[in-house]
Amino acid sequence: MENLVQEKIGDIVAKNFHAAAVFSKYGMDFCCGGQKSVQEVATKKGVDLSKLEQELCDVLEKPQTGQIDYTAWPADLLAAYIEKTHHRYVREKTPTILAYLNKLCQVHGGRHPELLEINQLFQESAKDLGQHLVKEERILFPFIMQLVNSKIDRTQAEKPAFGTVENPIHMMEDEHDAEGERFARIAELTDNYTVPADGCSTYRVTYEMLKEFEDDLHKHIHLENNILFPKSIALERESNMA
């Protein structure tokens, strides 16, 4: 039990994604803040550590059924999966959510001015995420593919213009943090996506889409920050030693 609270949140979720629900329940960030220990975050948030430990143990001790072990995947497969699943999700859902938010602001913005800030935040997210995905797909992910191929061929990867894979990774992590903060604000403004009493069906659908978008983004960032990026850094170090 003592070892569990000293573990990084991201490492625990990487081994068993069901633990993410426990951390989310207590407002503990498992994606952007995944490199912090359970004890550090729980103490900072005033979470009952013994209760948290028990809930984590209950989840971790259950047989894992229907869960994909992403930690076992090679980095190139994981990068391709993230692009085809999570990047595609962002591109498909963003225009729809923007349209719904614009409609909500027109109809309900007078009585619910928080909608205007929510709309502005999501517009900023749509723009920044669009650029972020392109940088990953054109710069970071292709180099990760090279690192994997170098390991297979037992050769040293060609040194990229950005120096080391850690440079674009740090940039991506900073941008992940910015999105995490942005969606934390959206969750706050929406009272954790609670539709007000005078909310219509469009209100409900919009909040459901926003919540789903945030959940997908959390998993997306978790797969990169806590699994893909550490794998990629390790691969580069192996390649440099080849």
C-alpha atoms as a PDB file:
ATOM      1  CA  MET A   1       0.000   0.000   0.000  1.00  0.00           C
ATOM      2  CA  GLU A   2       2.842   2.334   0.824  1.00  0.00           C
ATOM      3  CA  ASN A   3       4.345   1.728  -2.611  1.00  0.00           C
ATOM      4  CA  LEU A   4       1.014   2.530  -4.283  1.00  0.00           C
ATOM      5  CA  VAL A   5       0.785   6.063  -2.881  1.00  0.00           C
ATOM      6  CA  GLN A   6       4.366   6.744  -3.951  1.00  0.00           C
ATOM      7  CA  GLU A   7       3.649   5.721  -7.541  1.00  0.00           C
ATOM      8  CA  LYS A   8       2.985   8.290 -10.236  1.00  0.00           C
ATOM      9  CA  ILE A   9      -0.687   8.713 -11.090  1.00  0.00           C
ATOM     10  CA  GLY A  10       0.033   8.310 -14.806  1.00  0.00           C
ATOM     11  CA  ASP A  11       1.885   5.030 -14.251  1.00  0.00           C
ATOM     12  CA  ILE A  12      -1.063   3.575 -12.332  1.00  0.00           C
ATOM     13  CA  VAL A  13      -3.532   4.583 -15.044  1.00  0.00           C
ATOM     14  CA  ALA A  14      -1.189   3.262 -17.734  1.00  0.00           C
ATOM     15  CA  LYS A  15      -1.314  -0.165 -16.088  1.00  0.00           C
ATOM     16  CA  ASN A  16      -5.072  -0.077 -15.475  1.00  0.00           C
ATOM     17  CA  PHE A  17      -7.171   2.616 -17.132  1.00  0.00           C
ATOM     18  CA  HIS A  18     -10.095   1.858 -14.804  1.00  0.00           C
ATOM     19  CA  ALA A  19      -8.118   3.715 -12.106  1.00  0.00           C
ATOM     20  CA  ALA A  20      -8.714   6.916 -14.067  1.00  0.00           C
ATOM     21  CA  ALA A  21     -12.313   6.984 -12.842  1.00  0.00           C
ATOM     22  CA  VAL A  22     -11.128   6.975  -9.223  1.00  0.00           C
ATOM     23  CA  PHE A  23      -8.718   9.857  -9.782  1.00  0.00           C
ATOM     24  CA  SER A  24     -11.338  11.810 -11.746  1.00  0.00           C
ATOM     25  CA  LYS A  25     -13.816  11.369  -8.888  1.00  0.00           C
ATOM     26  CA  TYR A  26     -11.443  13.272  -6.606  1.00  0.00           C
ATOM     27  CA  GLY A  27     -10.467  15.865  -9.210  1.00  0.00           C
ATOM     28  CA  MET A  28      -6.969  14.411  -9.556  1.00  0.00           C
ATOM     29  CA  ASP A  29      -5.454  14.969 -12.998  1.00  0.00           C
ATOM     30  CA  PHE A  30      -4.164  11.690 -14.437  1.00  0.00           C
ATOM     31  CA  CYS A  31      -3.142  13.032 -17.865  1.00  0.00           C
ATOM     32  CA  CYS A  32      -1.379  16.411 -17.656  1.00  0.00           C
ATOM     33  CA  GLY A  33      -0.520  15.848 -13.982  1.00  0.00           C
ATOM     34  CA  GLY A  34       0.284  12.198 -14.415  1.00  0.00           C
ATOM     35  CA  GLN A  35       3.952  12.523 -13.435  1.00  0.00           C
ATOM     36  CA  LYS A  36       3.090  13.447  -9.842  1.00  0.00           C
ATOM     37  CA  SER A  37       2.727  10.848  -7.086  1.00  0.00           C
ATOM     38  CA  VAL A  38      -0.633   9.837  -5.660  1.00  0.00           C
ATOM     39  CA  GLN A  39       0.396  11.090  -2.227  1.00  0.00           C
ATOM     40  CA  GLU A  40       1.581  14.477  -3.510  1.00  0.00           C
ATOM     41  CA  VAL A  41      -1.656  15.257  -5.366  1.00  0.00           C
ATOM     42  CA  ALA A  42      -3.961  13.782  -2.719  1.00  0.00           C
ATOM     43  CA  THR A  43      -2.284  15.833   0.001  1.00  0.00           C
ATOM     44  CA  LYS A  44      -2.483  19.018  -2.065  1.00  0.00           C
ATOM     45  CA  LYS A  45      -6.191  18.492  -2.741  1.00  0.00           C
ATOM     46  CA  GLY A  46      -7.032  17.431   0.819  1.00  0.00           C
ATOM     47  CA  VAL A  47      -8.183  13.980  -0.275  1.00  0.00           C
ATOM     48  CA  ASP A  48      -8.514  11.271   2.387  1.00  0.00           C
ATOM     49  CA  LEU A  49      -5.495   9.152   1.455  1.00  0.00           C
ATOM     50  CA  SER A  50      -6.661   5.952   3.175  1.00  0.00           C
ATOM     51  CA  LYS A  51     -10.053   6.117   1.435  1.00  0.00           C
ATOM     52  CA  LEU A  52      -8.389   6.812  -1.901  1.00  0.00           C
ATOM     53  CA  GLU A  53      -5.982   3.918  -1.411  1.00  0.00           C
ATOM     54  CA  GLN A  54      -8.823   1.532  -0.685  1.00  0.00           C
ATOM     55  CA  GLU A  55     -10.780   2.598  -3.757  1.00  0.00           C
ATOM     56  CA  LEU A  56      -7.680   2.234  -5.936  1.00  0.00           C
ATOM     57  CA  CYS A  57      -6.957  -1.204  -4.494  1.00  0.00           C
ATOM     58  CA  ASP A  58     -10.542  -2.294  -5.139  1.00  0.00           C
ATOM     59  CA  VAL A  59     -10.117  -1.335  -8.798  1.00  0.00           C
ATOM     60  CA  LEU A  60      -6.590  -2.654  -9.252  1.00  0.00           C
ATOM     61  CA  GLU A  61      -7.335  -6.013  -7.647  1.00  0.00           C
ATOM     62  CA  LYS A  62     -10.252  -6.754  -9.957  1.00  0.00           C
ATOM     63  CA  PRO A  63      -9.470  -8.956 -12.973  1.00  0.00           C
ATOM     64  CA  GLN A  64      -8.860  -6.745 -15.986  1.00  0.00           C
ATOM     65  CA  THR A  65     -11.392  -7.603 -18.658  1.00  0.00           C
ATOM     66  CA  GLY A  66     -11.787  -5.834 -21.958  1.00  0.00           C
ATOM     67  CA  GLN A  67      -8.892  -3.477 -21.281  1.00  0.00           C
ATOM     68  CA  ILE A  68      -6.208  -2.795 -23.859  1.00  0.00           C
ATOM     69  CA  ASP A  69      -2.666  -2.863 -22.525  1.00  0.00           C
ATOM     70  CA  TYR A  70      -1.261   0.137 -24.384  1.00  0.00           C
ATOM     71  CA  THR A  71       2.013  -0.153 -22.485  1.00  0.00           C
ATOM     72  CA  ALA A  72       2.724  -3.356 -24.422  1.00  0.00           C
ATOM     73  CA  TRP A  73       2.350  -1.665 -27.798  1.00  0.00           C
ATOM     74  CA  PRO A  74       5.409  -0.510 -29.757  1.00  0.00           C
ATOM     75  CA  ALA A  75       5.685   3.262 -30.020  1.00  0.00           C
ATOM     76  CA  ASP A  76       4.948   3.424 -33.760  1.00  0.00           C
ATOM     77  CA  LEU A  77       1.717   1.445 -33.360  1.00  0.00           C
ATOM     78  CA  LEU A  78       0.629   3.632 -30.447  1.00  0.00           C
ATOM     79  CA  ALA A  79       1.379   6.839 -32.397  1.00  0.00           C
ATOM     80  CA  ALA A  80      -0.633   5.557 -35.366  1.00  0.00           C
ATOM     81  CA  TYR A  81      -3.503   4.583 -33.070  1.00  0.00           C
ATOM     82  CA  ILE A  82      -3.555   8.022 -31.423  1.00  0.00           C
ATOM     83  CA  GLU A  83      -3.603   9.721 -34.819  1.00  0.00           C
ATOM     84  CA  LYS A  84      -6.331   7.532 -36.309  1.00  0.00           C
ATOM     85  CA  THR A  85      -8.477   7.496 -33.169  1.00  0.00           C
ATOM     86  CA  HIS A  86      -8.011  10.636 -31.093  1.00  0.00           C
ATOM     87  CA  HIS A  87      -6.768  13.091 -33.717  1.00  0.00           C
ATOM     88  CA  ARG A  88      -9.618  12.046 -36.000  1.00  0.00           C
ATOM     89  CA  TYR A  89     -12.086  12.425 -33.132  1.00  0.00           C
ATOM     90  CA  VAL A  90     -10.982  16.023 -32.504  1.00  0.00           C
ATOM     91  CA  ARG A  91     -11.333  16.937 -36.176  1.00  0.00           C
ATOM     92  CA  GLU A  92     -14.732  15.278 -36.526  1.00  0.00           C
ATOM     93  CA  LYS A  93     -16.336  16.645 -33.361  1.00  0.00           C
ATOM     94  CA  THR A  94     -14.954  20.184 -33.224  1.00  0.00           C
ATOM     95  CA  PRO A  95     -17.110  21.751 -35.994  1.00  0.00           C
ATOM     96  CA  THR A  96     -20.296  20.229 -34.553  1.00  0.00           C
ATOM     97  CA  ILE A  97     -19.605  21.460 -31.021  1.00  0.00           C
ATOM     98  CA  LEU A  98     -18.723  24.942 -32.302  1.00  0.00           C
ATOM     99  CA  ALA A  99     -22.024  25.110 -34.182  1.00  0.00           C
ATOM    100  CA  TYR A 100     -24.012  24.020 -31.133  1.00  0.00           C
ATOM    101  CA  LEU A 101     -22.213  26.485 -28.858  1.00  0.00           C
ATOM    102  CA  ASN A 102     -22.887  29.348 -31.261  1.00  0.00           C
ATOM    103  CA  LYS A 103     -26.568  28.423 -31.283  1.00  0.00           C
ATOM    104  CA  LEU A 104     -26.678  28.240 -27.476  1.00  0.00           C
ATOM    105  CA  CYS A 105     -25.073  31.668 -27.167  1.00  0.00           C
ATOM    106  CA  GLN A 106     -27.635  33.184 -29.528  1.00  0.00           C
ATOM    107  CA  VAL A 107     -30.618  31.669 -27.704  1.00  0.00           C
ATOM    108  CA  HIS A 108     -29.478  31.511 -24.066  1.00  0.00           C
ATOM    109  CA  GLY A 109     -26.487  33.871 -23.870  1.00  0.00           C
ATOM    110  CA  GLY A 110     -28.547  36.679 -22.370  1.00  0.00           C
ATOM    111  CA  ARG A 111     -29.676  34.606 -19.381  1.00  0.00           C
ATOM    112  CA  HIS A 112     -26.467  32.551 -19.173  1.00  0.00           C
ATOM    113  CA  PRO A 113     -23.494  34.810 -19.966  1.00  0.00           C
ATOM    114  CA  GLU A 114     -21.104  32.009 -18.962  1.00  0.00           C
ATOM    115  CA  LEU A 115     -21.918  30.451 -22.340  1.00  0.00           C
ATOM    116  CA  LEU A 116     -20.034  33.269 -24.053  1.00  0.00           C
ATOM    117  CA  GLU A 117     -16.833  32.424 -22.183  1.00  0.00           C
ATOM    118  CA  ILE A 118     -17.332  28.700 -22.757  1.00  0.00           C
ATOM    119  CA  ASN A 119     -17.729  29.354 -26.471  1.00  0.00           C
ATOM    120  CA  GLN A 120     -14.613  31.539 -26.539  1.00  0.00           C
ATOM    121  CA  LEU A 121     -12.583  28.912 -24.683  1.00  0.00           C
ATOM    122  CA  PHE A 122     -13.668  26.140 -27.027  1.00  0.00           C
ATOM    123  CA  GLN A 123     -12.898  28.282 -30.076  1.00  0.00           C
ATOM    124  CA  GLU A 124      -9.382  28.807 -28.713  1.00  0.00           C
ATOM    125  CA  SER A 125      -9.084  25.079 -28.059  1.00  0.00           C
ATOM    126  CA  ALA A 126     -10.229  24.225 -31.591  1.00  0.00           C
ATOM    127  CA  LYS A 127      -7.605  26.533 -33.082  1.00  0.00           C
ATOM    128  CA  ASP A 128      -4.737  25.446 -30.819  1.00  0.00           C
ATOM    129  CA  LEU A 129      -5.535  21.732 -31.023  1.00  0.00           C
ATOM    130  CA  GLY A 130      -5.703  21.937 -34.808  1.00  0.00           C
ATOM    131  CA  GLN A 131      -2.139  23.299 -34.905  1.00  0.00           C
ATOM    132  CA  HIS A 132      -1.020  20.867 -32.207  1.00  0.00           C
ATOM    133  CA  LEU A 133      -2.188  17.804 -34.144  1.00  0.00           C
ATOM    134  CA  VAL A 134      -0.390  18.944 -37.282  1.00  0.00           C
ATOM    135  CA  LYS A 135       2.893  19.368 -35.376  1.00  0.00           C
ATOM    136  CA  GLU A 136       2.602  15.864 -33.984  1.00  0.00           C
ATOM    137  CA  GLU A 137       1.724  14.329 -37.341  1.00  0.00           C
ATOM    138  CA  ARG A 138       4.385  16.147 -39.369  1.00  0.00           C
ATOM    139  CA  ILE A 139       7.267  16.374 -36.911  1.00  0.00           C
ATOM    140  CA  LEU A 140       7.070  14.212 -33.790  1.00  0.00           C
ATOM    141  CA  PHE A 141       5.284  11.074 -34.943  1.00  0.00           C
ATOM    142  CA  PRO A 142       7.416  10.572 -38.104  1.00  0.00           C
ATOM    143  CA  PHE A 143      10.563  10.758 -35.978  1.00  0.00           C
ATOM    144  CA  ILE A 144       9.116   8.223 -33.554  1.00  0.00           C
ATOM    145  CA  MET A 145       8.617   5.914 -36.555  1.00  0.00           C
ATOM    146  CA  GLN A 146      12.281   6.442 -37.450  1.00  0.00           C
ATOM    147  CA  LEU A 147      13.341   5.541 -33.915  1.00  0.00           C
ATOM    148  CA  VAL A 148      11.362   2.303 -34.043  1.00  0.00           C
ATOM    149  CA  ASN A 149      12.839   1.395 -37.438  1.00  0.00           C
ATOM    150  CA  SER A 150      16.346   2.151 -36.153  1.00  0.00           C
ATOM    151  CA  LYS A 151      15.801  -0.254 -33.282  1.00  0.00           C
ATOM    152  CA  ILE A 152      14.590  -2.949 -35.669  1.00  0.00           C
ATOM    153  CA  ASP A 153      17.540  -2.346 -38.038  1.00  0.00           C
ATOM    154  CA  ARG A 154      19.982  -1.932 -35.140  1.00  0.00           C
ATOM    155  CA  THR A 155      21.178   1.384 -36.502  1.00  0.00           C
ATOM    156  CA  GLN A 156      21.449   4.872 -35.073  1.00  0.00           C
ATOM    157  CA  ALA A 157      18.619   7.235 -36.018  1.00  0.00           C
ATOM    158  CA  GLU A 158      19.560  10.296 -38.042  1.00  0.00           C
ATOM    159  CA  LYS A 159      19.799  13.346 -35.796  1.00  0.00           C
ATOM    160  CA  PRO A 160      16.759  15.572 -36.402  1.00  0.00           C
ATOM    161  CA  ALA A 161      16.796  19.340 -36.895  1.00  0.00           C
ATOM    162  CA  PHE A 162      15.133  19.754 -33.474  1.00  0.00           C
ATOM    163  CA  GLY A 163      18.090  18.056 -31.751  1.00  0.00           C
ATOM    164  CA  THR A 164      16.458  15.479 -29.532  1.00  0.00           C
ATOM    165  CA  VAL A 165      12.975  13.996 -29.336  1.00  0.00           C
ATOM    166  CA  GLU A 166      12.654  15.535 -25.883  1.00  0.00           C
ATOM    167  CA  ASN A 167      12.396  19.038 -27.403  1.00  0.00           C
ATOM    168  CA  PRO A 168       9.134  18.535 -29.343  1.00  0.00           C
ATOM    169  CA  ILE A 169       7.858  16.328 -26.523  1.00  0.00           C
ATOM    170  CA  HIS A 170       8.313  19.138 -23.988  1.00  0.00           C
ATOM    171  CA  MET A 171       6.501  21.493 -26.362  1.00  0.00           C
ATOM    172  CA  MET A 172       3.617  19.031 -26.755  1.00  0.00           C
ATOM    173  CA  GLU A 173       3.428  18.564 -22.981  1.00  0.00           C
ATOM    174  CA  ASP A 174       3.235  22.335 -22.447  1.00  0.00           C
ATOM    175  CA  GLU A 175       0.398  22.521 -24.966  1.00  0.00           C
ATOM    176  CA  HIS A 176      -1.337  19.599 -23.236  1.00  0.00           C
ATOM    177  CA  ASP A 177      -1.125  21.513 -19.958  1.00  0.00           C
ATOM    178  CA  ALA A 178      -2.732  24.532 -21.607  1.00  0.00           C
ATOM    179  CA  GLU A 179      -5.630  22.397 -22.853  1.00  0.00           C
ATOM    180  CA  GLY A 180      -6.009  20.806 -19.443  1.00  0.00           C
ATOM    181  CA  GLU A 181      -6.340  24.223 -17.825  1.00  0.00           C
ATOM    182  CA  ARG A 182      -8.756  25.380 -20.508  1.00  0.00           C
ATOM    183  CA  PHE A 183     -11.081  22.422 -20.042  1.00  0.00           C
ATOM    184  CA  ALA A 184     -10.859  22.670 -16.266  1.00  0.00           C
ATOM    185  CA  ARG A 185     -12.252  26.183 -16.689  1.00  0.00           C
ATOM    186  CA  ILE A 186     -14.987  24.932 -19.036  1.00  0.00           C
ATOM    187  CA  ALA A 187     -15.939  22.255 -16.483  1.00  0.00           C
ATOM    188  CA  GLU A 188     -16.077  24.939 -13.791  1.00  0.00           C
ATOM    189  CA  LEU A 189     -18.248  27.267 -15.885  1.00  0.00           C
ATOM    190  CA  THR A 190     -20.662  24.445 -16.738  1.00  0.00           C
ATOM    191  CA  ASP A 191     -20.807  23.152 -13.145  1.00  0.00           C
ATOM    192  CA  ASN A 192     -19.323  19.892 -14.431  1.00  0.00           C
ATOM    193  CA  TYR A 193     -21.642  19.895 -17.448  1.00  0.00           C
ATOM    194  CA  THR A 194     -24.846  20.278 -15.449  1.00  0.00           C
ATOM    195  CA  VAL A 195     -27.685  21.609 -17.616  1.00  0.00           C
ATOM    196  CA  PRO A 196     -29.552  24.528 -15.932  1.00  0.00           C
ATOM    197  CA  ALA A 197     -33.245  24.201 -15.118  1.00  0.00           C
ATOM    198  CA  ASP A 198     -34.245  26.319 -18.120  1.00  0.00           C
ATOM    199  CA  GLY A 199     -31.931  24.429 -20.487  1.00  0.00           C
ATOM    200  CA  CYS A 200     -33.407  22.954 -23.677  1.00  0.00           C
ATOM    201  CA  SER A 201     -32.524  19.709 -25.455  1.00  0.00           C
ATOM    202  CA  THR A 202     -29.824  21.556 -27.435  1.00  0.00           C
ATOM    203  CA  TYR A 203     -28.299  22.632 -24.128  1.00  0.00           C
ATOM    204  CA  ARG A 204     -28.225  19.025 -22.935  1.00  0.00           C
ATOM    205  CA  VAL A 205     -26.737  17.663 -26.158  1.00  0.00           C
ATOM    206  CA  THR A 206     -24.066  20.381 -26.242  1.00  0.00           C
ATOM    207  CA  TYR A 207     -22.959  19.698 -22.669  1.00  0.00           C
ATOM    208  CA  GLU A 208     -22.907  15.947 -23.348  1.00  0.00           C
ATOM    209  CA  MET A 209     -20.678  16.520 -26.383  1.00  0.00           C
ATOM    210  CA  LEU A 210     -18.372  18.817 -24.411  1.00  0.00           C
ATOM    211  CA  LYS A 211     -18.055  16.243 -21.618  1.00  0.00           C
ATOM    212  CA  GLU A 212     -17.335  13.467 -24.106  1.00  0.00           C
ATOM    213  CA  PHE A 213     -14.766  15.695 -25.834  1.00  0.00           C
ATOM    214  CA  GLU A 214     -13.011  16.383 -22.537  1.00  0.00           C
ATOM    215  CA  ASP A 215     -13.009  12.679 -21.603  1.00  0.00           C
ATOM    216  CA  ASP A 216     -11.510  11.747 -24.970  1.00  0.00           C
ATOM    217  CA  LEU A 217      -8.906  14.496 -24.638  1.00  0.00           C
ATOM    218  CA  HIS A 218      -7.910  13.218 -21.200  1.00  0.00           C
ATOM    219  CA  LYS A 219      -7.330   9.711 -22.570  1.00  0.00           C
ATOM    220  CA  HIS A 220      -5.553  11.160 -25.611  1.00  0.00           C
ATOM    221  CA  ILE A 221      -3.150  13.176 -23.438  1.00  0.00           C
ATOM    222  CA  HIS A 222      -2.680  10.259 -21.039  1.00  0.00           C
ATOM    223  CA  LEU A 223      -1.611   7.925 -23.860  1.00  0.00           C
ATOM    224  CA  GLU A 224       0.948  10.466 -25.038  1.00  0.00           C
ATOM    225  CA  ASN A 225       2.297  11.925 -21.788  1.00  0.00           C
ATOM    226  CA  ASN A 226       2.396   8.724 -19.756  1.00  0.00           C
ATOM    227  CA  ILE A 227       3.092   6.024 -22.360  1.00  0.00           C
ATOM    228  CA  LEU A 228       4.141   7.222 -25.850  1.00  0.00           C
ATOM    229  CA  PHE A 229       6.512  10.000 -24.815  1.00  0.00           C
ATOM    230  CA  PRO A 230       8.495   7.968 -22.235  1.00  0.00           C
ATOM    231  CA  LYS A 231       8.754   5.114 -24.762  1.00  0.00           C
ATOM    232  CA  SER A 232      10.055   7.521 -27.407  1.00  0.00           C
ATOM    233  CA  ILE A 233      12.680   9.040 -25.122  1.00  0.00           C
ATOM    234  CA  ALA A 234      13.884   5.537 -24.187  1.00  0.00           C
ATOM    235  CA  LEU A 235      14.041   4.546 -27.867  1.00  0.00           C
ATOM    236  CA  GLU A 236      16.181   7.565 -28.735  1.00  0.00           C
ATOM    237  CA  ARG A 237      18.596   6.765 -25.942  1.00  0.00           C
ATOM    238  CA  GLU A 238      18.854   3.174 -27.180  1.00  0.00           C
ATOM    239  CA  SER A 239      19.473   4.425 -30.712  1.00  0.00           C
ATOM    240  CA  ASN A 240      22.237   6.762 -29.574  1.00  0.00           C
ATOM    241  CA  MET A 241      23.927   3.829 -27.864  1.00  0.00           C
ATOM    242  CA  ALA A 242      23.691   1.606 -30.963  1.00  0.00           C
END
